[in-house]
Amino acid sequence: MTVQFPTPTPTLQTKMRSRVRNLLTHSAAVAHRLGLRRRPNRLTHLSIDDMPPSLFAAPGRPTISVCVLTRNCAGTVTATLTVLAELRAAGLIDDVVVIDADSPDGTARIAAGHGARIVSESSLLPEFGPVLGKGDAMWRAQAVLTGEIVVFQDGDLADYAARHVLGVAGALLRYPWLRFAKGTYRRHLRTDTDTIRDGGGRVSRLMARPLLKALYPDLHAFSQPLSGEVAITRELLGALPMVTGYGVETGMLIDVYRRVGLGAMAEIDLRERANNHQSLTALEGMAEVVAQTVLSRAAAEGRIAGSVPAPTERPPFATVGVRQHSLIA
């Protein structure tokens, strides 16, 4: 006599394994169609032209918060927020937050009414004392940002366009293994009377890139290491310490590299950007902090002899036990 056994019911573990296999198969198929079969061991270079709107319309995509950092941006913030409001209305991004440095020129007042949440940086986590600069504002902003992908944008761009946010955010949507993307562009220098083609990015070209080439050669692959257009996964952002001042971009670049490696990083060609002229006196202070940030990290890792005092930093946000702020809508 033949004994027939009932078909076994799949266990939860079996179901989960099946789902993981299906997910990996799907991800591999998508990567194959896009021309990449596996995570590379080098920096991924992409263009804004590689980011179709369909990436942002995909069902179940990660949520995206855009954080605009402003300090006396009365002349540019309206155009920036108009672009972002259109992207949000189209469902391409999910949240826009302006973190304002209590700008005396009325930036916050002008920004109101453009569909973004306007938050004074000094109102965030006052128990940590006064805000110590751009990096500190970015660190505190994590208390009000809700997206699975966080996009940081500078609020002082005179030529702001959708590509500045879609380029960097799109990279993380297109390739699931990417966890950090930074913009690059031809940088022009705008003076009172003229625009000097390719004349911008002086601190980047004269300080940041030469130091990175000498001490972190892999990161020399970034042509604009100090660009303010950044997309990063929320989980990774919360795991990073953050330099409080203008060394934040350099410190974040090195810390991401140390934590996840070059293969999880990308640089996106955003075409062009024009910067307003700044004096050499102003740039000297920025260059000093950039140098201190790179050299102190290199010394701590034994890449150079001796010790270099580190710039002021905040600890990884995920480690300080801060609850999300009540300003979240």
C-alpha atoms as a PDB file:
ATOM      1  CA  MET A   1       0.000   0.000   0.000  1.00  0.00           C
ATOM      2  CA  THR A   2       1.262   3.461  -0.878  1.00  0.00           C
ATOM      3  CA  VAL A   3       1.212   5.885   1.994  1.00  0.00           C
ATOM      4  CA  GLN A   4       0.513   9.469   1.013  1.00  0.00           C
ATOM      5  CA  PHE A   5       1.863  12.159   3.297  1.00  0.00           C
ATOM      6  CA  PRO A   6       0.266  15.592   3.427  1.00  0.00           C
ATOM      7  CA  THR A   7       2.129  18.422   1.726  1.00  0.00           C
ATOM      8  CA  PRO A   8       4.138  20.182   4.444  1.00  0.00           C
ATOM      9  CA  THR A   9       3.181  23.743   5.312  1.00  0.00           C
ATOM     10  CA  PRO A  10       6.106  26.117   4.734  1.00  0.00           C
ATOM     11  CA  THR A  11       7.592  27.409   7.938  1.00  0.00           C
ATOM     12  CA  LEU A  12       8.142  31.106   8.519  1.00  0.00           C
ATOM     13  CA  GLN A  13      11.858  30.560   8.031  1.00  0.00           C
ATOM     14  CA  THR A  14      11.266  28.885   4.665  1.00  0.00           C
ATOM     15  CA  LYS A  15       8.967  31.696   3.563  1.00  0.00           C
ATOM     16  CA  MET A  16      11.520  34.336   4.534  1.00  0.00           C
ATOM     17  CA  ARG A  17      14.285  32.522   2.659  1.00  0.00           C
ATOM     18  CA  SER A  18      12.068  32.381  -0.405  1.00  0.00           C
ATOM     19  CA  ARG A  19      11.312  36.093  -0.193  1.00  0.00           C
ATOM     20  CA  VAL A  20      14.987  36.960   0.188  1.00  0.00           C
ATOM     21  CA  ARG A  21      15.849  34.787  -2.833  1.00  0.00           C
ATOM     22  CA  ASN A  22      13.162  36.498  -4.884  1.00  0.00           C
ATOM     23  CA  LEU A  23      14.376  39.931  -3.808  1.00  0.00           C
ATOM     24  CA  LEU A  24      17.966  39.135  -4.698  1.00  0.00           C
ATOM     25  CA  THR A  25      16.906  37.691  -8.036  1.00  0.00           C
ATOM     26  CA  HIS A  26      14.866  40.807  -8.801  1.00  0.00           C
ATOM     27  CA  SER A  27      17.708  43.134  -7.761  1.00  0.00           C
ATOM     28  CA  ALA A  28      20.165  41.219  -9.901  1.00  0.00           C
ATOM     29  CA  ALA A  29      17.817  41.424 -12.883  1.00  0.00           C
ATOM     30  CA  VAL A  30      17.385  45.171 -12.445  1.00  0.00           C
ATOM     31  CA  ALA A  31      21.125  45.691 -12.102  1.00  0.00           C
ATOM     32  CA  HIS A  32      21.716  43.594 -15.222  1.00  0.00           C
ATOM     33  CA  ARG A  33      19.289  45.712 -17.236  1.00  0.00           C
ATOM     34  CA  LEU A  34      21.026  48.845 -15.997  1.00  0.00           C
ATOM     35  CA  GLY A  35      24.428  47.535 -16.976  1.00  0.00           C
ATOM     36  CA  LEU A  36      25.824  46.593 -13.562  1.00  0.00           C
ATOM     37  CA  ARG A  37      25.870  42.957 -12.432  1.00  0.00           C
ATOM     38  CA  ARG A  38      27.344  43.469  -8.972  1.00  0.00           C
ATOM     39  CA  ARG A  39      28.551  46.143  -6.598  1.00  0.00           C
ATOM     40  CA  PRO A  40      31.768  47.644  -7.977  1.00  0.00           C
ATOM     41  CA  ASN A  41      34.907  48.159  -5.905  1.00  0.00           C
ATOM     42  CA  ARG A  42      35.365  51.667  -7.250  1.00  0.00           C
ATOM     43  CA  LEU A  43      33.555  54.972  -7.213  1.00  0.00           C
ATOM     44  CA  THR A  44      30.431  54.932  -9.374  1.00  0.00           C
ATOM     45  CA  HIS A  45      30.260  57.878 -11.780  1.00  0.00           C
ATOM     46  CA  LEU A  46      26.802  58.795 -13.029  1.00  0.00           C
ATOM     47  CA  SER A  47      25.038  61.687 -14.727  1.00  0.00           C
ATOM     48  CA  ILE A  48      21.741  63.412 -14.110  1.00  0.00           C
ATOM     49  CA  ASP A  49      20.742  61.945 -17.473  1.00  0.00           C
ATOM     50  CA  ASP A  50      20.890  58.480 -15.843  1.00  0.00           C
ATOM     51  CA  MET A  51      18.030  59.357 -13.451  1.00  0.00           C
ATOM     52  CA  PRO A  52      14.643  58.979 -15.199  1.00  0.00           C
ATOM     53  CA  PRO A  53      11.547  60.132 -13.295  1.00  0.00           C
ATOM     54  CA  SER A  54      10.354  56.508 -13.261  1.00  0.00           C
ATOM     55  CA  LEU A  55      12.910  55.828 -10.512  1.00  0.00           C
ATOM     56  CA  PHE A  56      10.966  58.122  -8.208  1.00  0.00           C
ATOM     57  CA  ALA A  57       7.567  56.772  -9.244  1.00  0.00           C
ATOM     58  CA  ALA A  58       8.384  53.140  -8.407  1.00  0.00           C
ATOM     59  CA  PRO A  59       5.937  51.641  -5.891  1.00  0.00           C
ATOM     60  CA  GLY A  60       7.425  51.246  -2.434  1.00  0.00           C
ATOM     61  CA  ARG A  61      10.525  53.331  -3.127  1.00  0.00           C
ATOM     62  CA  PRO A  62      12.366  54.675  -0.070  1.00  0.00           C
ATOM     63  CA  THR A  63      10.980  57.956   1.245  1.00  0.00           C
ATOM     64  CA  ILE A  64      13.068  61.059   0.558  1.00  0.00           C
ATOM     65  CA  SER A  65      13.555  64.068   2.849  1.00  0.00           C
ATOM     66  CA  VAL A  66      15.237  67.155   1.416  1.00  0.00           C
ATOM     67  CA  CYS A  67      17.007  69.404   3.923  1.00  0.00           C
ATOM     68  CA  VAL A  68      17.813  72.924   2.694  1.00  0.00           C
ATOM     69  CA  LEU A  69      20.423  74.762   4.771  1.00  0.00           C
ATOM     70  CA  THR A  70      20.075  78.536   4.745  1.00  0.00           C
ATOM     71  CA  ARG A  71      22.008  81.475   6.112  1.00  0.00           C
ATOM     72  CA  ASN A  72      21.077  84.872   4.665  1.00  0.00           C
ATOM     73  CA  CYS A  73      19.554  83.329   1.535  1.00  0.00           C
ATOM     74  CA  ALA A  74      16.733  85.831   1.027  1.00  0.00           C
ATOM     75  CA  GLY A  75      17.687  86.309  -2.612  1.00  0.00           C
ATOM     76  CA  THR A  76      17.678  82.611  -3.563  1.00  0.00           C
ATOM     77  CA  VAL A  77      15.391  80.675  -1.228  1.00  0.00           C
ATOM     78  CA  THR A  78      12.146  81.395  -3.109  1.00  0.00           C
ATOM     79  CA  ALA A  79      13.446  79.903  -6.364  1.00  0.00           C
ATOM     80  CA  THR A  80      14.866  76.885  -4.522  1.00  0.00           C
ATOM     81  CA  LEU A  81      11.645  76.125  -2.656  1.00  0.00           C
ATOM     82  CA  THR A  82       9.526  76.650  -5.774  1.00  0.00           C
ATOM     83  CA  VAL A  83      11.475  73.883  -7.505  1.00  0.00           C
ATOM     84  CA  LEU A  84      11.192  71.576  -4.500  1.00  0.00           C
ATOM     85  CA  ALA A  85       7.459  72.248  -4.098  1.00  0.00           C
ATOM     86  CA  GLU A  86       6.924  71.156  -7.702  1.00  0.00           C
ATOM     87  CA  LEU A  87       8.902  67.963  -7.117  1.00  0.00           C
ATOM     88  CA  ARG A  88       6.917  67.201  -3.984  1.00  0.00           C
ATOM     89  CA  ALA A  89       3.602  67.847  -5.741  1.00  0.00           C
ATOM     90  CA  ALA A  90       4.673  65.425  -8.472  1.00  0.00           C
ATOM     91  CA  GLY A  91       5.430  62.750  -5.858  1.00  0.00           C
ATOM     92  CA  LEU A  92       9.162  62.659  -6.636  1.00  0.00           C
ATOM     93  CA  ILE A  93      10.202  63.634  -3.095  1.00  0.00           C
ATOM     94  CA  ASP A  94       8.298  63.365   0.181  1.00  0.00           C
ATOM     95  CA  ASP A  95       9.413  66.062   2.588  1.00  0.00           C
ATOM     96  CA  VAL A  96      11.155  69.445   2.464  1.00  0.00           C
ATOM     97  CA  VAL A  97      12.654  71.059   5.563  1.00  0.00           C
ATOM     98  CA  VAL A  98      14.484  74.391   5.693  1.00  0.00           C
ATOM     99  CA  ILE A  99      17.002  74.657   8.520  1.00  0.00           C
ATOM    100  CA  ASP A 100      17.645  78.379   8.886  1.00  0.00           C
ATOM    101  CA  ALA A 101      20.499  79.943  10.837  1.00  0.00           C
ATOM    102  CA  ASP A 102      18.208  82.669  12.252  1.00  0.00           C
ATOM    103  CA  SER A 103      19.112  84.737   9.203  1.00  0.00           C
ATOM    104  CA  PRO A 104      18.823  88.480   9.845  1.00  0.00           C
ATOM    105  CA  ASP A 105      17.902  89.102   6.186  1.00  0.00           C
ATOM    106  CA  GLY A 106      14.482  87.493   6.673  1.00  0.00           C
ATOM    107  CA  THR A 107      15.152  84.192   4.901  1.00  0.00           C
ATOM    108  CA  ALA A 108      12.723  82.266   7.141  1.00  0.00           C
ATOM    109  CA  ARG A 109       9.921  84.791   6.613  1.00  0.00           C
ATOM    110  CA  ILE A 110      10.388  84.699   2.844  1.00  0.00           C
ATOM    111  CA  ALA A 111      10.537  80.898   2.823  1.00  0.00           C
ATOM    112  CA  ALA A 112       7.219  80.540   4.644  1.00  0.00           C
ATOM    113  CA  GLY A 113       4.327  79.615   2.394  1.00  0.00           C
ATOM    114  CA  HIS A 114       6.315  77.530  -0.085  1.00  0.00           C
ATOM    115  CA  GLY A 115       5.224  74.128   1.201  1.00  0.00           C
ATOM    116  CA  ALA A 116       8.284  73.449   3.350  1.00  0.00           C
ATOM    117  CA  ARG A 117       8.700  73.205   7.098  1.00  0.00           C
ATOM    118  CA  ILE A 118      10.812  76.103   8.315  1.00  0.00           C
ATOM    119  CA  VAL A 119      12.876  75.318  11.399  1.00  0.00           C
ATOM    120  CA  SER A 120      15.287  77.577  13.234  1.00  0.00           C
ATOM    121  CA  GLU A 121      18.521  75.698  13.850  1.00  0.00           C
ATOM    122  CA  SER A 122      18.705  77.187  17.366  1.00  0.00           C
ATOM    123  CA  SER A 123      15.377  75.551  18.276  1.00  0.00           C
ATOM    124  CA  LEU A 124      16.765  72.068  17.657  1.00  0.00           C
ATOM    125  CA  LEU A 125      18.298  70.224  20.600  1.00  0.00           C
ATOM    126  CA  PRO A 126      19.115  73.331  22.669  1.00  0.00           C
ATOM    127  CA  GLU A 127      20.433  71.029  25.400  1.00  0.00           C
ATOM    128  CA  PHE A 128      23.565  70.629  23.249  1.00  0.00           C
ATOM    129  CA  GLY A 129      24.360  74.321  23.516  1.00  0.00           C
ATOM    130  CA  PRO A 130      24.667  76.936  20.761  1.00  0.00           C
ATOM    131  CA  VAL A 131      24.833  75.827  17.128  1.00  0.00           C
ATOM    132  CA  LEU A 132      28.478  75.703  16.080  1.00  0.00           C
ATOM    133  CA  GLY A 133      28.193  75.945  12.301  1.00  0.00           C
ATOM    134  CA  LYS A 134      26.866  74.271   9.171  1.00  0.00           C
ATOM    135  CA  GLY A 135      27.798  70.744  10.220  1.00  0.00           C
ATOM    136  CA  ASP A 136      26.121  71.195  13.585  1.00  0.00           C
ATOM    137  CA  ALA A 137      22.938  72.360  11.826  1.00  0.00           C
ATOM    138  CA  MET A 138      23.041  69.236   9.646  1.00  0.00           C
ATOM    139  CA  TRP A 139      23.534  67.057  12.713  1.00  0.00           C
ATOM    140  CA  ARG A 140      20.599  68.639  14.572  1.00  0.00           C
ATOM    141  CA  ALA A 141      18.410  68.440  11.466  1.00  0.00           C
ATOM    142  CA  GLN A 142      18.264  64.678  11.905  1.00  0.00           C
ATOM    143  CA  ALA A 143      15.787  65.312  14.722  1.00  0.00           C
ATOM    144  CA  VAL A 144      13.182  66.539  12.217  1.00  0.00           C
ATOM    145  CA  LEU A 145      13.967  64.529   9.080  1.00  0.00           C
ATOM    146  CA  THR A 146      11.834  61.448   8.463  1.00  0.00           C
ATOM    147  CA  GLY A 147      12.944  60.098   5.081  1.00  0.00           C
ATOM    148  CA  GLU A 148      14.802  56.837   4.524  1.00  0.00           C
ATOM    149  CA  ILE A 149      17.023  58.836   2.172  1.00  0.00           C
ATOM    150  CA  VAL A 150      18.211  62.267   3.328  1.00  0.00           C
ATOM    151  CA  VAL A 151      19.252  64.864   0.749  1.00  0.00           C
ATOM    152  CA  PHE A 152      21.198  67.926   1.881  1.00  0.00           C
ATOM    153  CA  GLN A 153      21.100  71.037  -0.303  1.00  0.00           C
ATOM    154  CA  ASP A 154      22.629  74.484   0.098  1.00  0.00           C
ATOM    155  CA  GLY A 155      20.094  77.294  -0.042  1.00  0.00           C
ATOM    156  CA  ASP A 156      22.344  79.898  -1.667  1.00  0.00           C
ATOM    157  CA  LEU A 157      22.363  78.662  -5.276  1.00  0.00           C
ATOM    158  CA  ALA A 158      21.350  81.297  -7.791  1.00  0.00           C
ATOM    159  CA  ASP A 159      20.796  78.668 -10.482  1.00  0.00           C
ATOM    160  CA  TYR A 160      18.989  75.987  -8.458  1.00  0.00           C
ATOM    161  CA  ALA A 161      17.231  73.296 -10.514  1.00  0.00           C
ATOM    162  CA  ALA A 162      15.523  69.940 -10.021  1.00  0.00           C
ATOM    163  CA  ARG A 163      18.675  68.141 -11.133  1.00  0.00           C
ATOM    164  CA  HIS A 164      20.438  69.147  -7.916  1.00  0.00           C
ATOM    165  CA  VAL A 165      18.205  66.900  -5.823  1.00  0.00           C
ATOM    166  CA  LEU A 166      17.078  64.286  -8.374  1.00  0.00           C
ATOM    167  CA  GLY A 167      20.652  63.525  -9.402  1.00  0.00           C
ATOM    168  CA  VAL A 168      21.978  62.531  -6.005  1.00  0.00           C
ATOM    169  CA  ALA A 169      18.761  60.933  -4.698  1.00  0.00           C
ATOM    170  CA  GLY A 170      18.231  59.049  -7.944  1.00  0.00           C
ATOM    171  CA  ALA A 171      21.592  57.321  -7.645  1.00  0.00           C
ATOM    172  CA  LEU A 172      20.532  55.633  -4.394  1.00  0.00           C
ATOM    173  CA  LEU A 173      17.246  54.569  -5.975  1.00  0.00           C
ATOM    174  CA  ARG A 174      18.848  53.233  -9.131  1.00  0.00           C
ATOM    175  CA  TYR A 175      21.545  51.117  -7.521  1.00  0.00           C
ATOM    176  CA  PRO A 176      20.468  49.574  -4.188  1.00  0.00           C
ATOM    177  CA  TRP A 177      24.026  49.031  -2.978  1.00  0.00           C
ATOM    178  CA  LEU A 178      24.806  52.779  -3.090  1.00  0.00           C
ATOM    179  CA  ARG A 179      24.468  54.469   0.282  1.00  0.00           C
ATOM    180  CA  PHE A 180      26.042  57.840  -0.437  1.00  0.00           C
ATOM    181  CA  ALA A 181      26.039  60.134  -3.483  1.00  0.00           C
ATOM    182  CA  LYS A 182      27.598  63.555  -3.985  1.00  0.00           C
ATOM    183  CA  GLY A 183      27.137  66.038  -6.810  1.00  0.00           C
ATOM    184  CA  THR A 184      29.811  67.363  -9.119  1.00  0.00           C
ATOM    185  CA  TYR A 185      29.690  70.084 -11.759  1.00  0.00           C
ATOM    186  CA  ARG A 186      31.679  72.666 -13.619  1.00  0.00           C
ATOM    187  CA  ARG A 187      31.991  75.486 -11.118  1.00  0.00           C
ATOM    188  CA  HIS A 188      31.923  79.055 -12.374  1.00  0.00           C
ATOM    189  CA  LEU A 189      32.766  82.097 -10.280  1.00  0.00           C
ATOM    190  CA  ARG A 190      30.268  84.971 -10.344  1.00  0.00           C
ATOM    191  CA  THR A 191      31.586  88.450  -9.508  1.00  0.00           C
ATOM    192  CA  ASP A 192      29.786  91.799  -9.507  1.00  0.00           C
ATOM    193  CA  THR A 193      30.688  92.371 -13.148  1.00  0.00           C
ATOM    194  CA  ASP A 194      31.404  89.017 -14.748  1.00  0.00           C
ATOM    195  CA  THR A 195      31.219  85.213 -14.553  1.00  0.00           C
ATOM    196  CA  ILE A 196      34.564  83.422 -14.727  1.00  0.00           C
ATOM    197  CA  ARG A 197      34.142  80.043 -16.397  1.00  0.00           C
ATOM    198  CA  ASP A 198      35.545  77.172 -14.301  1.00  0.00           C
ATOM    199  CA  GLY A 199      36.812  79.725 -11.777  1.00  0.00           C
ATOM    200  CA  GLY A 200      34.971  78.351  -8.754  1.00  0.00           C
ATOM    201  CA  GLY A 201      35.825  75.658  -6.236  1.00  0.00           C
ATOM    202  CA  ARG A 202      39.117  77.203  -5.153  1.00  0.00           C
ATOM    203  CA  VAL A 203      39.284  75.528  -1.727  1.00  0.00           C
ATOM    204  CA  SER A 204      38.397  72.186  -3.276  1.00  0.00           C
ATOM    205  CA  ARG A 205      41.036  72.400  -5.983  1.00  0.00           C
ATOM    206  CA  LEU A 206      43.832  73.951  -3.947  1.00  0.00           C
ATOM    207  CA  MET A 207      43.342  72.256  -0.568  1.00  0.00           C
ATOM    208  CA  ALA A 208      40.864  69.367  -0.384  1.00  0.00           C
ATOM    209  CA  ARG A 209      41.759  67.402  -3.497  1.00  0.00           C
ATOM    210  CA  PRO A 210      45.562  67.574  -3.071  1.00  0.00           C
ATOM    211  CA  LEU A 211      45.270  66.463   0.573  1.00  0.00           C
ATOM    212  CA  LEU A 212      42.920  63.610  -0.297  1.00  0.00           C
ATOM    213  CA  LYS A 213      45.214  62.504  -3.129  1.00  0.00           C
ATOM    214  CA  ALA A 214      48.136  62.289  -0.708  1.00  0.00           C
ATOM    215  CA  LEU A 215      46.345  60.691   2.251  1.00  0.00           C
ATOM    216  CA  TYR A 216      43.166  59.047   0.910  1.00  0.00           C
ATOM    217  CA  PRO A 217      43.998  58.377  -2.742  1.00  0.00           C
ATOM    218  CA  ASP A 218      40.737  56.534  -3.429  1.00  0.00           C
ATOM    219  CA  LEU A 219      38.788  59.685  -2.562  1.00  0.00           C
ATOM    220  CA  HIS A 220      40.726  61.729  -5.111  1.00  0.00           C
ATOM    221  CA  ALA A 221      38.271  60.168  -7.572  1.00  0.00           C
ATOM    222  CA  PHE A 222      35.745  62.777  -6.334  1.00  0.00           C
ATOM    223  CA  SER A 223      36.225  65.857  -8.497  1.00  0.00           C
ATOM    224  CA  GLN A 224      34.170  68.066  -6.134  1.00  0.00           C
ATOM    225  CA  PRO A 225      34.708  66.686  -2.614  1.00  0.00           C
ATOM    226  CA  LEU A 226      33.257  69.823  -0.995  1.00  0.00           C
ATOM    227  CA  SER A 227      29.998  69.995  -2.937  1.00  0.00           C
ATOM    228  CA  GLY A 228      26.902  70.556  -0.814  1.00  0.00           C
ATOM    229  CA  GLU A 229      24.589  68.306  -2.835  1.00  0.00           C
ATOM    230  CA  VAL A 230      24.546  65.014  -0.940  1.00  0.00           C
ATOM    231  CA  ALA A 231      22.195  62.042  -0.625  1.00  0.00           C
ATOM    232  CA  ILE A 232      22.751  59.468   2.097  1.00  0.00           C
ATOM    233  CA  THR A 233      20.720  56.688   3.648  1.00  0.00           C
ATOM    234  CA  ARG A 234      19.234  57.664   6.982  1.00  0.00           C
ATOM    235  CA  GLU A 235      20.806  54.656   8.682  1.00  0.00           C
ATOM    236  CA  LEU A 236      24.312  55.548   7.505  1.00  0.00           C
ATOM    237  CA  LEU A 237      23.883  59.233   8.346  1.00  0.00           C
ATOM    238  CA  GLY A 238      22.953  58.397  11.922  1.00  0.00           C
ATOM    239  CA  ALA A 239      26.069  56.261  12.310  1.00  0.00           C
ATOM    240  CA  LEU A 240      28.517  59.039  11.397  1.00  0.00           C
ATOM    241  CA  PRO A 241      30.170  61.636  13.618  1.00  0.00           C
ATOM    242  CA  MET A 242      29.775  65.130  12.196  1.00  0.00           C
ATOM    243  CA  VAL A 243      32.235  67.997  12.099  1.00  0.00           C
ATOM    244  CA  THR A 244      30.329  71.053  13.295  1.00  0.00           C
ATOM    245  CA  GLY A 245      31.737  73.647  10.881  1.00  0.00           C
ATOM    246  CA  TYR A 246      32.793  73.864   7.250  1.00  0.00           C
ATOM    247  CA  GLY A 247      34.798  70.647   7.493  1.00  0.00           C
ATOM    248  CA  VAL A 248      31.536  68.678   7.466  1.00  0.00           C
ATOM    249  CA  GLU A 249      31.666  67.701   3.785  1.00  0.00           C
ATOM    250  CA  THR A 250      35.263  66.471   4.006  1.00  0.00           C
ATOM    251  CA  GLY A 251      34.689  64.656   7.279  1.00  0.00           C
ATOM    252  CA  MET A 252      31.540  62.977   5.968  1.00  0.00           C
ATOM    253  CA  LEU A 253      33.338  61.873   2.801  1.00  0.00           C
ATOM    254  CA  ILE A 254      36.169  60.227   4.760  1.00  0.00           C
ATOM    255  CA  ASP A 255      33.872  58.694   7.378  1.00  0.00           C
ATOM    256  CA  VAL A 256      31.534  57.193   4.764  1.00  0.00           C
ATOM    257  CA  TYR A 257      34.549  55.756   2.956  1.00  0.00           C
ATOM    258  CA  ARG A 258      35.892  54.194   6.133  1.00  0.00           C
ATOM    259  CA  ARG A 259      32.514  52.730   7.052  1.00  0.00           C
ATOM    260  CA  VAL A 260      31.100  51.386   3.767  1.00  0.00           C
ATOM    261  CA  GLY A 261      33.920  51.625   1.219  1.00  0.00           C
ATOM    262  CA  LEU A 262      34.241  53.283  -2.175  1.00  0.00           C
ATOM    263  CA  GLY A 263      31.936  50.750  -3.830  1.00  0.00           C
ATOM    264  CA  ALA A 264      28.935  52.146  -1.918  1.00  0.00           C
ATOM    265  CA  MET A 265      29.666  55.723  -3.015  1.00  0.00           C
ATOM    266  CA  ALA A 266      28.844  57.666  -6.172  1.00  0.00           C
ATOM    267  CA  GLU A 267      29.493  61.038  -7.777  1.00  0.00           C
ATOM    268  CA  ILE A 268      26.809  62.500 -10.010  1.00  0.00           C
ATOM    269  CA  ASP A 269      27.460  64.974 -12.826  1.00  0.00           C
ATOM    270  CA  LEU A 270      24.939  67.804 -12.311  1.00  0.00           C
ATOM    271  CA  ARG A 271      26.359  69.825 -15.228  1.00  0.00           C
ATOM    272  CA  GLU A 272      27.081  73.385 -14.033  1.00  0.00           C
ATOM    273  CA  ARG A 273      26.923  75.601 -10.982  1.00  0.00           C
ATOM    274  CA  ALA A 274      27.753  79.259 -10.427  1.00  0.00           C
ATOM    275  CA  ASN A 275      29.051  80.410  -7.054  1.00  0.00           C
ATOM    276  CA  ASN A 276      29.079  83.963  -5.778  1.00  0.00           C
ATOM    277  CA  HIS A 277      32.520  85.410  -5.215  1.00  0.00           C
ATOM    278  CA  GLN A 278      34.047  85.079  -1.747  1.00  0.00           C
ATOM    279  CA  SER A 279      37.145  86.845  -0.522  1.00  0.00           C
ATOM    280  CA  LEU A 280      40.396  85.029   0.066  1.00  0.00           C
ATOM    281  CA  THR A 281      40.030  85.892   3.759  1.00  0.00           C
ATOM    282  CA  ALA A 282      36.763  83.954   3.935  1.00  0.00           C
ATOM    283  CA  LEU A 283      38.179  81.057   1.944  1.00  0.00           C
ATOM    284  CA  GLU A 284      41.270  80.895   4.189  1.00  0.00           C
ATOM    285  CA  GLY A 285      39.124  79.991   7.187  1.00  0.00           C
ATOM    286  CA  MET A 286      37.311  77.288   5.222  1.00  0.00           C
ATOM    287  CA  ALA A 287      40.576  75.864   3.922  1.00  0.00           C
ATOM    288  CA  GLU A 288      42.018  75.728   7.440  1.00  0.00           C
ATOM    289  CA  VAL A 289      39.078  73.654   8.730  1.00  0.00           C
ATOM    290  CA  VAL A 290      39.205  71.342   5.703  1.00  0.00           C
ATOM    291  CA  ALA A 291      42.921  70.735   6.257  1.00  0.00           C
ATOM    292  CA  GLN A 292      42.405  70.116   9.978  1.00  0.00           C
ATOM    293  CA  THR A 293      39.619  67.631   9.243  1.00  0.00           C
ATOM    294  CA  VAL A 294      41.647  65.584   6.752  1.00  0.00           C
ATOM    295  CA  LEU A 295      44.901  65.665   8.707  1.00  0.00           C
ATOM    296  CA  SER A 296      43.338  64.779  12.070  1.00  0.00           C
ATOM    297  CA  ARG A 297      41.580  61.742  10.590  1.00  0.00           C
ATOM    298  CA  ALA A 298      44.726  60.664   8.770  1.00  0.00           C
ATOM    299  CA  ALA A 299      46.753  60.960  11.989  1.00  0.00           C
ATOM    300  CA  ALA A 300      44.188  58.977  13.966  1.00  0.00           C
ATOM    301  CA  GLU A 301      44.452  56.173  11.398  1.00  0.00           C
ATOM    302  CA  GLY A 302      48.267  56.226  11.367  1.00  0.00           C
ATOM    303  CA  ARG A 303      48.463  57.501   7.792  1.00  0.00           C
ATOM    304  CA  ILE A 304      50.750  60.290   9.026  1.00  0.00           C
ATOM    305  CA  ALA A 305      53.004  60.481  12.067  1.00  0.00           C
ATOM    306  CA  GLY A 306      52.116  62.477  15.144  1.00  0.00           C
ATOM    307  CA  SER A 307      48.761  63.874  16.142  1.00  0.00           C
ATOM    308  CA  VAL A 308      46.629  66.692  14.822  1.00  0.00           C
ATOM    309  CA  PRO A 309      43.897  68.304  16.950  1.00  0.00           C
ATOM    310  CA  ALA A 310      40.528  67.314  15.538  1.00  0.00           C
ATOM    311  CA  PRO A 311      37.899  69.941  14.761  1.00  0.00           C
ATOM    312  CA  THR A 312      34.857  70.089  17.005  1.00  0.00           C
ATOM    313  CA  GLU A 313      32.508  67.191  16.230  1.00  0.00           C
ATOM    314  CA  ARG A 314      29.154  65.823  17.263  1.00  0.00           C
ATOM    315  CA  PRO A 315      28.905  62.081  17.970  1.00  0.00           C
ATOM    316  CA  PRO A 316      26.869  59.774  15.707  1.00  0.00           C
ATOM    317  CA  PHE A 317      23.259  60.872  16.043  1.00  0.00           C
ATOM    318  CA  ALA A 318      22.057  57.289  16.529  1.00  0.00           C
ATOM    319  CA  THR A 319      24.155  57.000  19.696  1.00  0.00           C
ATOM    320  CA  VAL A 320      22.878  59.998  21.638  1.00  0.00           C
ATOM    321  CA  GLY A 321      19.342  58.755  22.329  1.00  0.00           C
ATOM    322  CA  VAL A 322      17.641  61.888  20.989  1.00  0.00           C
ATOM    323  CA  ARG A 323      13.948  61.573  20.264  1.00  0.00           C
ATOM    324  CA  GLN A 324      12.568  63.026  17.068  1.00  0.00           C
ATOM    325  CA  HIS A 325      11.543  66.620  17.508  1.00  0.00           C
ATOM    326  CA  SER A 326       7.977  67.731  18.118  1.00  0.00           C
ATOM    327  CA  LEU A 327       8.164  69.931  15.000  1.00  0.00           C
ATOM    328  CA  ILE A 328       7.698  66.878  12.807  1.00  0.00           C
ATOM    329  CA  ALA A 329       4.286  67.247  11.204  1.00  0.00           C
END
